[in-house]
Amino acid sequence: MSTIQEEIKKRILVLDGAMGTMLQRYNFSEEDFRGERFKDFPHPLKGNNDLLSLTQPQAIKAVHAAYFEAGADIVETNTFSGTTIGMADYYLEEYVYELNYESAKLAREVADEFTAKNPNQPRFVAGSIGPTNRTASMSPDVNDPGYRAVTFDDLRIAYKQQVEALMDGGCDLLLVETIFDTLNAKAALFAIEQVKEERNLDIPIMVSGTITDASGRTLSGQTVEAFLVSVSHIPLLSVGFNCALGADLLKPYLQTLSHNTSFNVSAHPNAGLPNAFGEYDETPEEMQAQIKSYLDDNLINIIGGCCGTTPNHIKLIADIAKDYKPRVSTAVM
């Protein structure tokens, strides 16, 4: 099978859109989240989307299939919160390996089906590694700036378990995404390098940060350039940004990134900014027009969508991306 490193040289690769947005359409109840297996679990489970890989696997497969149908080359596993740290909120730490393994397996099955249908467009699975709900760079207690709710080693151990399960489940690459604290991401990258060394094998890595506001910085205070320097010690398939901003507001930061790195560049922005109800109103046509400006300016190698995006958004993005050649870096870094 063709590797992602070969395919990314041929064309702009399309990443999927939001998993959560699609799952909300099912309007799953507490009972649906529990399924038969967790029927008597003593804690509430509604809202734990990662758990649906075990209790509603057909829904997860249907979302992956919808994105592939729309033209995506890569889907992300349903594992955004799949660490012991993330699952502690639901008292599900002991199921973390299984959650990641099964999520990767589901995505792998769908990807293989679509590759078999059209071998000229091989489909790939990215193991989604989210940021956790704790930060290693900042204190959650305003009165105790030196306090940390988590240590680097806590994060490394948690990420290592997730990485092992994602790889065992059949991921083609790993996506460390929605990074608001680069120290958390460095723990994930350290864990990935550990697993690669222990297993004596390589796996491509995508890294995607989050610019949280108009200051152009991550939540932990890094500029685009600082973020890039912090992660560039590892050979990456791509570096990019996702979430927090819509495609229009994200563009200047992608320009800075693209001009400063020789890595491939990825972007999966939100469908605009959320409205007063926390919903995303940007239409597929509006988002397509904004992504076209990325393509016109030769900014990206991988493009997809984050919060609020659907297969309709991805279809229009894929339709336009195929008319462009992938970005060729002119950066010296």
Protein backbone atom coordinates (compact mmCIF):
# COMPACT_ATOMS: atom_id res chain seq x y z
CA MET A 1 0.00 0.00 0.00
CA SER A 2 1.11 3.52 -0.78
CA THR A 3 2.43 5.42 2.22
CA ILE A 4 1.20 8.81 3.33
CA GLN A 5 4.69 10.24 2.73
CA GLU A 6 4.34 9.31 -0.96
CA GLU A 7 0.79 10.60 -1.30
CA ILE A 8 1.49 13.97 0.32
CA LYS A 9 4.01 14.72 -2.44
CA LYS A 10 1.40 14.06 -5.13
CA ARG A 11 -1.53 16.11 -3.90
CA ILE A 12 -3.06 18.15 -1.10
CA LEU A 13 -4.45 15.64 1.39
CA VAL A 14 -7.89 16.18 2.89
CA LEU A 15 -8.51 15.52 6.58
CA ASP A 16 -11.98 14.80 7.93
CA GLY A 17 -14.25 17.22 9.82
CA ALA A 18 -15.70 17.23 13.32
CA MET A 19 -16.60 13.94 14.98
CA GLY A 20 -18.50 15.63 17.83
CA THR A 21 -20.66 17.70 15.49
CA MET A 22 -21.75 14.54 13.69
CA LEU A 23 -22.38 12.55 16.88
CA GLN A 24 -24.60 15.33 18.27
CA ARG A 25 -27.02 14.60 15.44
CA TYR A 26 -27.73 11.18 16.93
CA ASN A 27 -28.96 12.82 20.13
CA PHE A 28 -27.73 9.86 22.18
CA SER A 29 -29.24 9.41 25.65
CA GLU A 30 -27.49 8.29 28.82
CA GLU A 31 -28.69 4.75 28.02
CA ASP A 32 -27.20 4.96 24.52
CA PHE A 33 -23.82 6.01 25.90
CA ARG A 34 -23.93 3.13 28.39
CA GLY A 35 -25.07 0.42 25.99
CA GLU A 36 -25.52 -3.07 27.40
CA ARG A 37 -21.97 -3.31 28.69
CA PHE A 38 -22.04 -0.25 30.97
CA LYS A 39 -25.73 -0.53 31.88
CA ASP A 40 -24.99 -0.68 35.62
CA PHE A 41 -21.92 1.58 35.71
CA PRO A 42 -22.20 3.71 38.88
CA HIS A 43 -21.31 7.07 37.28
CA PRO A 44 -22.94 9.17 34.52
CA LEU A 45 -21.42 8.55 31.08
CA LYS A 46 -23.39 10.82 28.76
CA GLY A 47 -21.08 13.18 26.89
CA ASN A 48 -18.15 10.78 26.76
CA ASN A 49 -17.90 10.53 22.97
CA ASP A 50 -14.83 8.28 23.08
CA LEU A 51 -16.89 5.62 24.86
CA LEU A 52 -19.22 5.40 21.84
CA SER A 53 -16.50 3.42 20.05
CA LEU A 54 -17.43 0.58 22.43
CA THR A 55 -21.15 1.17 22.89
CA GLN A 56 -22.22 2.60 19.48
CA PRO A 57 -19.52 1.39 17.06
CA GLN A 58 -21.82 1.52 14.02
CA ALA A 59 -22.38 5.25 14.54
CA ILE A 60 -18.61 5.86 14.68
CA LYS A 61 -18.07 3.85 11.50
CA ALA A 62 -20.90 5.74 9.79
CA VAL A 63 -19.22 9.09 10.58
CA HIS A 64 -15.87 7.87 9.22
CA ALA A 65 -17.60 6.56 6.08
CA ALA A 66 -19.44 9.86 5.55
CA TYR A 67 -16.14 11.77 5.60
CA PHE A 68 -14.43 9.33 3.24
CA GLU A 69 -17.48 9.53 0.96
CA ALA A 70 -17.08 13.32 0.99
CA GLY A 71 -13.51 12.98 -0.28
CA ALA A 72 -11.35 12.84 2.86
CA ASP A 73 -8.01 11.05 2.55
CA ILE A 74 -7.48 10.85 6.31
CA VAL A 75 -9.94 10.25 9.17
CA GLU A 76 -9.12 10.77 12.83
CA THR A 77 -9.86 8.11 15.41
CA ASN A 78 -12.56 8.83 17.98
CA THR A 79 -9.97 9.20 20.76
CA PHE A 80 -9.63 12.92 21.45
CA SER A 81 -9.91 12.39 25.24
CA GLY A 82 -8.48 8.89 25.23
CA THR A 83 -5.99 9.07 28.08
CA THR A 84 -6.28 7.99 31.71
CA ILE A 85 -6.18 11.70 32.56
CA GLY A 86 -9.11 12.51 30.27
CA MET A 87 -11.10 9.41 31.24
CA ALA A 88 -10.68 10.05 34.98
CA ASP A 89 -13.68 12.42 34.75
CA TYR A 90 -15.84 9.39 33.96
CA TYR A 91 -14.00 6.86 36.17
CA LEU A 92 -13.10 4.87 33.04
CA GLU A 93 -9.30 4.83 33.33
CA GLU A 94 -9.11 1.03 33.14
CA TYR A 95 -10.77 1.04 29.70
CA VAL A 96 -8.33 3.45 28.05
CA TYR A 97 -6.29 0.89 26.13
CA GLU A 98 -9.43 -0.80 24.80
CA LEU A 99 -11.05 2.53 23.85
CA ASN A 100 -8.08 3.54 21.75
CA TYR A 101 -7.51 0.10 20.24
CA GLU A 102 -11.15 -0.35 19.21
CA SER A 103 -11.42 3.23 17.90
CA ALA A 104 -8.38 2.68 15.69
CA LYS A 105 -9.75 -0.66 14.53
CA LEU A 106 -13.11 0.85 13.53
CA ALA A 107 -11.43 3.61 11.51
CA ARG A 108 -9.03 1.08 9.95
CA GLU A 109 -11.89 -1.13 8.76
CA VAL A 110 -13.66 1.78 7.05
CA ALA A 111 -10.43 3.14 5.54
CA ASP A 112 -9.57 -0.28 4.09
CA GLU A 113 -13.06 -0.59 2.56
CA PHE A 114 -12.66 2.73 0.76
CA THR A 115 -9.09 1.99 -0.35
CA ALA A 116 -10.27 -1.34 -1.79
CA LYS A 117 -12.98 0.47 -3.76
CA ASN A 118 -10.50 2.98 -5.20
CA PRO A 119 -6.84 1.94 -4.84
CA ASN A 120 -5.78 5.14 -6.63
CA GLN A 121 -6.92 7.09 -3.58
CA PRO A 122 -5.57 5.23 -0.55
CA ARG A 123 -7.25 6.22 2.73
CA PHE A 124 -5.40 6.72 6.00
CA VAL A 125 -6.14 6.62 9.73
CA ALA A 126 -4.72 9.26 12.07
CA GLY A 127 -4.67 8.42 15.76
CA SER A 128 -6.16 11.50 17.44
CA ILE A 129 -4.25 12.54 20.57
CA GLY A 130 -5.93 15.45 22.35
CA PRO A 131 -4.44 17.87 24.87
CA THR A 132 -6.00 16.48 28.13
CA ASN A 133 -7.90 18.77 30.49
CA ARG A 134 -4.82 19.69 32.53
CA THR A 135 -1.86 21.86 31.74
CA ALA A 136 1.80 21.34 32.59
CA SER A 137 2.82 24.96 31.93
CA MET A 138 0.32 26.84 34.06
CA SER A 139 -1.28 26.64 37.48
CA PRO A 140 -5.05 26.13 37.73
CA ASP A 141 -4.88 28.04 41.02
CA VAL A 142 -4.50 31.80 40.63
CA ASN A 143 -3.30 32.04 44.24
CA ASP A 144 -0.54 29.48 43.74
CA PRO A 145 1.26 30.13 40.44
CA GLY A 146 3.84 27.42 41.10
CA TYR A 147 1.28 24.64 41.50
CA ARG A 148 0.71 22.12 38.70
CA ALA A 149 -2.26 19.75 38.47
CA VAL A 150 -0.18 17.30 36.42
CA THR A 151 3.51 16.49 35.92
CA PHE A 152 5.38 15.92 32.67
CA ASP A 153 5.84 12.29 33.68
CA ASP A 154 2.11 11.83 34.40
CA LEU A 155 1.42 13.06 30.87
CA ARG A 156 4.17 10.95 29.30
CA ILE A 157 2.87 7.75 30.91
CA ALA A 158 -0.74 8.50 29.93
CA TYR A 159 0.17 9.36 26.34
CA LYS A 160 2.40 6.29 26.02
CA GLN A 161 -0.51 3.99 26.79
CA GLN A 162 -2.69 5.81 24.26
CA VAL A 163 0.00 5.69 21.56
CA GLU A 164 0.60 1.95 22.03
CA ALA A 165 -3.11 1.20 21.70
CA LEU A 166 -3.55 3.43 18.63
CA MET A 167 -0.62 1.77 16.91
CA ASP A 168 -1.82 -1.72 17.86
CA GLY A 169 -5.24 -0.85 16.42
CA GLY A 170 -3.75 -0.07 13.03
CA CYS A 171 -3.20 3.70 12.73
CA ASP A 172 -1.10 4.92 9.81
CA LEU A 173 -0.03 8.10 11.58
CA LEU A 174 -0.49 9.95 14.87
CA LEU A 175 -2.02 13.41 15.22
CA VAL A 176 -1.10 15.38 18.35
CA GLU A 177 -3.77 18.04 18.05
CA THR A 178 -5.51 21.06 19.55
CA ILE A 179 -2.34 21.91 21.45
CA PHE A 180 -2.90 24.81 23.83
CA ASP A 181 0.04 23.92 26.10
CA THR A 182 3.17 22.93 24.18
CA LEU A 183 4.62 21.18 27.23
CA ASN A 184 1.73 18.71 27.12
CA ALA A 185 2.46 18.14 23.44
CA LYS A 186 6.15 17.60 24.17
CA ALA A 187 5.17 14.88 26.66
CA ALA A 188 3.09 13.24 23.91
CA LEU A 189 5.95 13.51 21.42
CA PHE A 190 8.38 12.08 23.99
CA ALA A 191 6.01 9.15 24.55
CA ILE A 192 5.70 8.54 20.79
CA GLU A 193 9.49 8.53 20.40
CA GLN A 194 9.74 6.05 23.31
CA VAL A 195 7.27 3.67 21.69
CA LYS A 196 9.00 4.00 18.30
CA GLU A 197 12.33 3.13 19.92
CA GLU A 198 10.94 0.19 21.93
CA ARG A 199 9.23 -1.28 18.87
CA ASN A 200 11.98 -0.36 16.45
CA LEU A 201 9.53 1.10 13.97
CA ASP A 202 8.62 4.51 12.62
CA ILE A 203 5.22 6.18 12.35
CA PRO A 204 4.50 9.60 10.81
CA ILE A 205 3.49 12.36 13.24
CA MET A 206 1.27 15.38 12.66
CA VAL A 207 1.37 18.19 15.20
CA SER A 208 -1.42 20.78 15.33
CA GLY A 209 -1.53 23.70 17.75
CA THR A 210 -4.33 26.10 18.65
CA ILE A 211 -4.15 29.89 18.44
CA THR A 212 -6.69 30.92 21.05
CA ASP A 213 -7.28 34.61 20.36
CA ALA A 214 -6.37 37.69 18.33
CA SER A 215 -3.01 38.01 20.10
CA GLY A 216 -1.81 35.17 17.87
CA ARG A 217 -0.61 33.05 20.78
CA THR A 218 -1.40 29.66 22.22
CA LEU A 219 -3.12 29.56 25.61
CA SER A 220 0.25 29.01 27.29
CA GLY A 221 1.56 32.20 25.67
CA GLN A 222 3.63 31.05 22.70
CA THR A 223 3.75 32.86 19.38
CA VAL A 224 3.58 30.87 16.15
CA GLU A 225 7.38 31.00 15.81
CA ALA A 226 7.96 29.90 19.42
CA PHE A 227 5.51 27.02 19.04
CA LEU A 228 7.26 25.91 15.87
CA VAL A 229 10.71 25.97 17.48
CA SER A 230 9.37 23.97 20.45
CA VAL A 231 8.25 21.02 18.32
CA SER A 232 10.72 21.06 15.44
CA HIS A 233 13.31 18.85 17.17
CA ILE A 234 11.27 15.82 16.03
CA PRO A 235 10.98 14.81 12.37
CA LEU A 236 7.31 15.57 11.67
CA LEU A 237 5.07 14.73 8.75
CA SER A 238 3.39 18.09 9.28
CA VAL A 239 2.90 20.99 11.64
CA GLY A 240 -0.20 23.16 11.66
CA PHE A 241 -3.14 24.69 13.49
CA ASN A 242 -6.71 23.68 14.24
CA CYS A 243 -9.74 24.72 16.29
CA ALA A 244 -10.45 28.02 18.14
CA LEU A 245 -10.63 30.15 14.97
CA GLY A 246 -12.40 30.00 11.63
CA ALA A 247 -10.47 29.75 8.37
CA ASP A 248 -10.35 33.51 7.78
CA LEU A 249 -8.93 34.42 11.21
CA LEU A 250 -6.47 31.51 11.13
CA LYS A 251 -4.89 32.50 7.83
CA PRO A 252 -2.26 35.02 9.05
CA TYR A 253 -0.89 32.46 11.51
CA LEU A 254 -0.71 29.81 8.80
CA GLN A 255 1.20 32.28 6.64
CA THR A 256 3.77 32.80 9.40
CA LEU A 257 4.03 29.04 9.93
CA SER A 258 4.33 28.23 6.24
CA HIS A 259 7.10 30.79 5.71
CA ASN A 260 9.11 29.45 8.64
CA THR A 261 9.04 25.67 8.33
CA SER A 262 10.24 23.07 5.86
CA PHE A 263 7.72 20.58 7.29
CA ASN A 264 4.42 20.05 5.51
CA VAL A 265 1.71 22.39 6.83
CA SER A 266 -1.78 21.32 7.95
CA ALA A 267 -4.90 23.26 8.89
CA HIS A 268 -8.29 22.18 10.14
CA PRO A 269 -10.13 25.32 11.24
CA ASN A 270 -13.59 25.62 12.78
CA ALA A 271 -16.65 26.52 10.72
CA GLY A 272 -16.25 30.14 11.82
CA LEU A 273 -16.64 31.33 15.40
CA PRO A 274 -19.45 29.96 17.60
CA ASN A 275 -22.67 31.96 17.89
CA ALA A 276 -24.42 32.88 21.16
CA PHE A 277 -25.67 29.28 21.48
CA GLY A 278 -22.24 27.76 20.92
CA GLU A 279 -23.17 26.60 17.43
CA TYR A 280 -21.26 27.13 14.18
CA ASP A 281 -23.04 28.89 11.35
CA GLU A 282 -20.45 29.07 8.59
CA THR A 283 -21.75 27.32 5.49
CA PRO A 284 -19.70 24.88 3.41
CA GLU A 285 -19.66 27.47 0.58
CA GLU A 286 -18.33 30.22 2.87
CA MET A 287 -15.63 27.95 4.25
CA GLN A 288 -14.68 26.75 0.77
CA ALA A 289 -14.09 30.35 -0.36
CA GLN A 290 -11.79 30.98 2.61
CA ILE A 291 -9.85 27.74 2.07
CA LYS A 292 -9.40 28.73 -1.59
CA SER A 293 -7.32 31.69 -0.40
CA TYR A 294 -5.03 29.22 1.49
CA LEU A 295 -4.61 27.28 -1.74
CA ASP A 296 -4.07 30.37 -3.88
CA ASP A 297 -1.29 31.44 -1.52
CA ASN A 298 0.40 28.00 -1.42
CA LEU A 299 0.06 27.67 2.36
CA ILE A 300 -0.97 24.06 3.01
CA ASN A 301 -0.35 20.37 2.36
CA ILE A 302 -3.19 18.96 4.49
CA ILE A 303 -6.60 20.61 4.90
CA GLY A 304 -9.70 19.61 6.88
CA GLY A 305 -12.20 20.93 9.38
CA CYS A 306 -12.64 21.12 13.13
CA CYS A 307 -15.64 22.17 15.28
CA GLY A 308 -18.88 22.66 13.37
CA THR A 309 -17.64 21.11 10.13
CA THR A 310 -19.57 18.29 8.44
CA PRO A 311 -19.14 16.03 5.40
CA ASN A 312 -20.74 18.82 3.34
CA HIS A 313 -17.92 21.18 4.36
CA ILE A 314 -15.28 18.52 3.63
CA LYS A 315 -16.80 17.71 0.23
CA LEU A 316 -16.51 21.32 -0.96
CA ILE A 317 -12.98 21.59 0.48
CA ALA A 318 -11.96 18.34 -1.26
CA ASP A 319 -13.56 19.50 -4.53
CA ILE A 320 -11.41 22.60 -4.61
CA ALA A 321 -8.20 21.10 -3.15
CA LYS A 322 -7.87 18.68 -6.05
CA ASP A 323 -7.32 21.60 -8.43
CA TYR A 324 -4.14 22.71 -6.63
CA LYS A 325 -0.66 21.36 -6.23
CA PRO A 326 0.63 20.78 -2.68
CA ARG A 327 2.63 23.52 -1.02
CA VAL A 328 6.35 23.42 -1.66
CA SER A 329 8.33 24.96 1.18
CA THR A 330 10.74 27.79 0.59
CA ALA A 331 11.72 27.98 4.27
CA VAL A 332 15.25 27.27 5.37
CA MET A 333 14.34 25.79 8.77
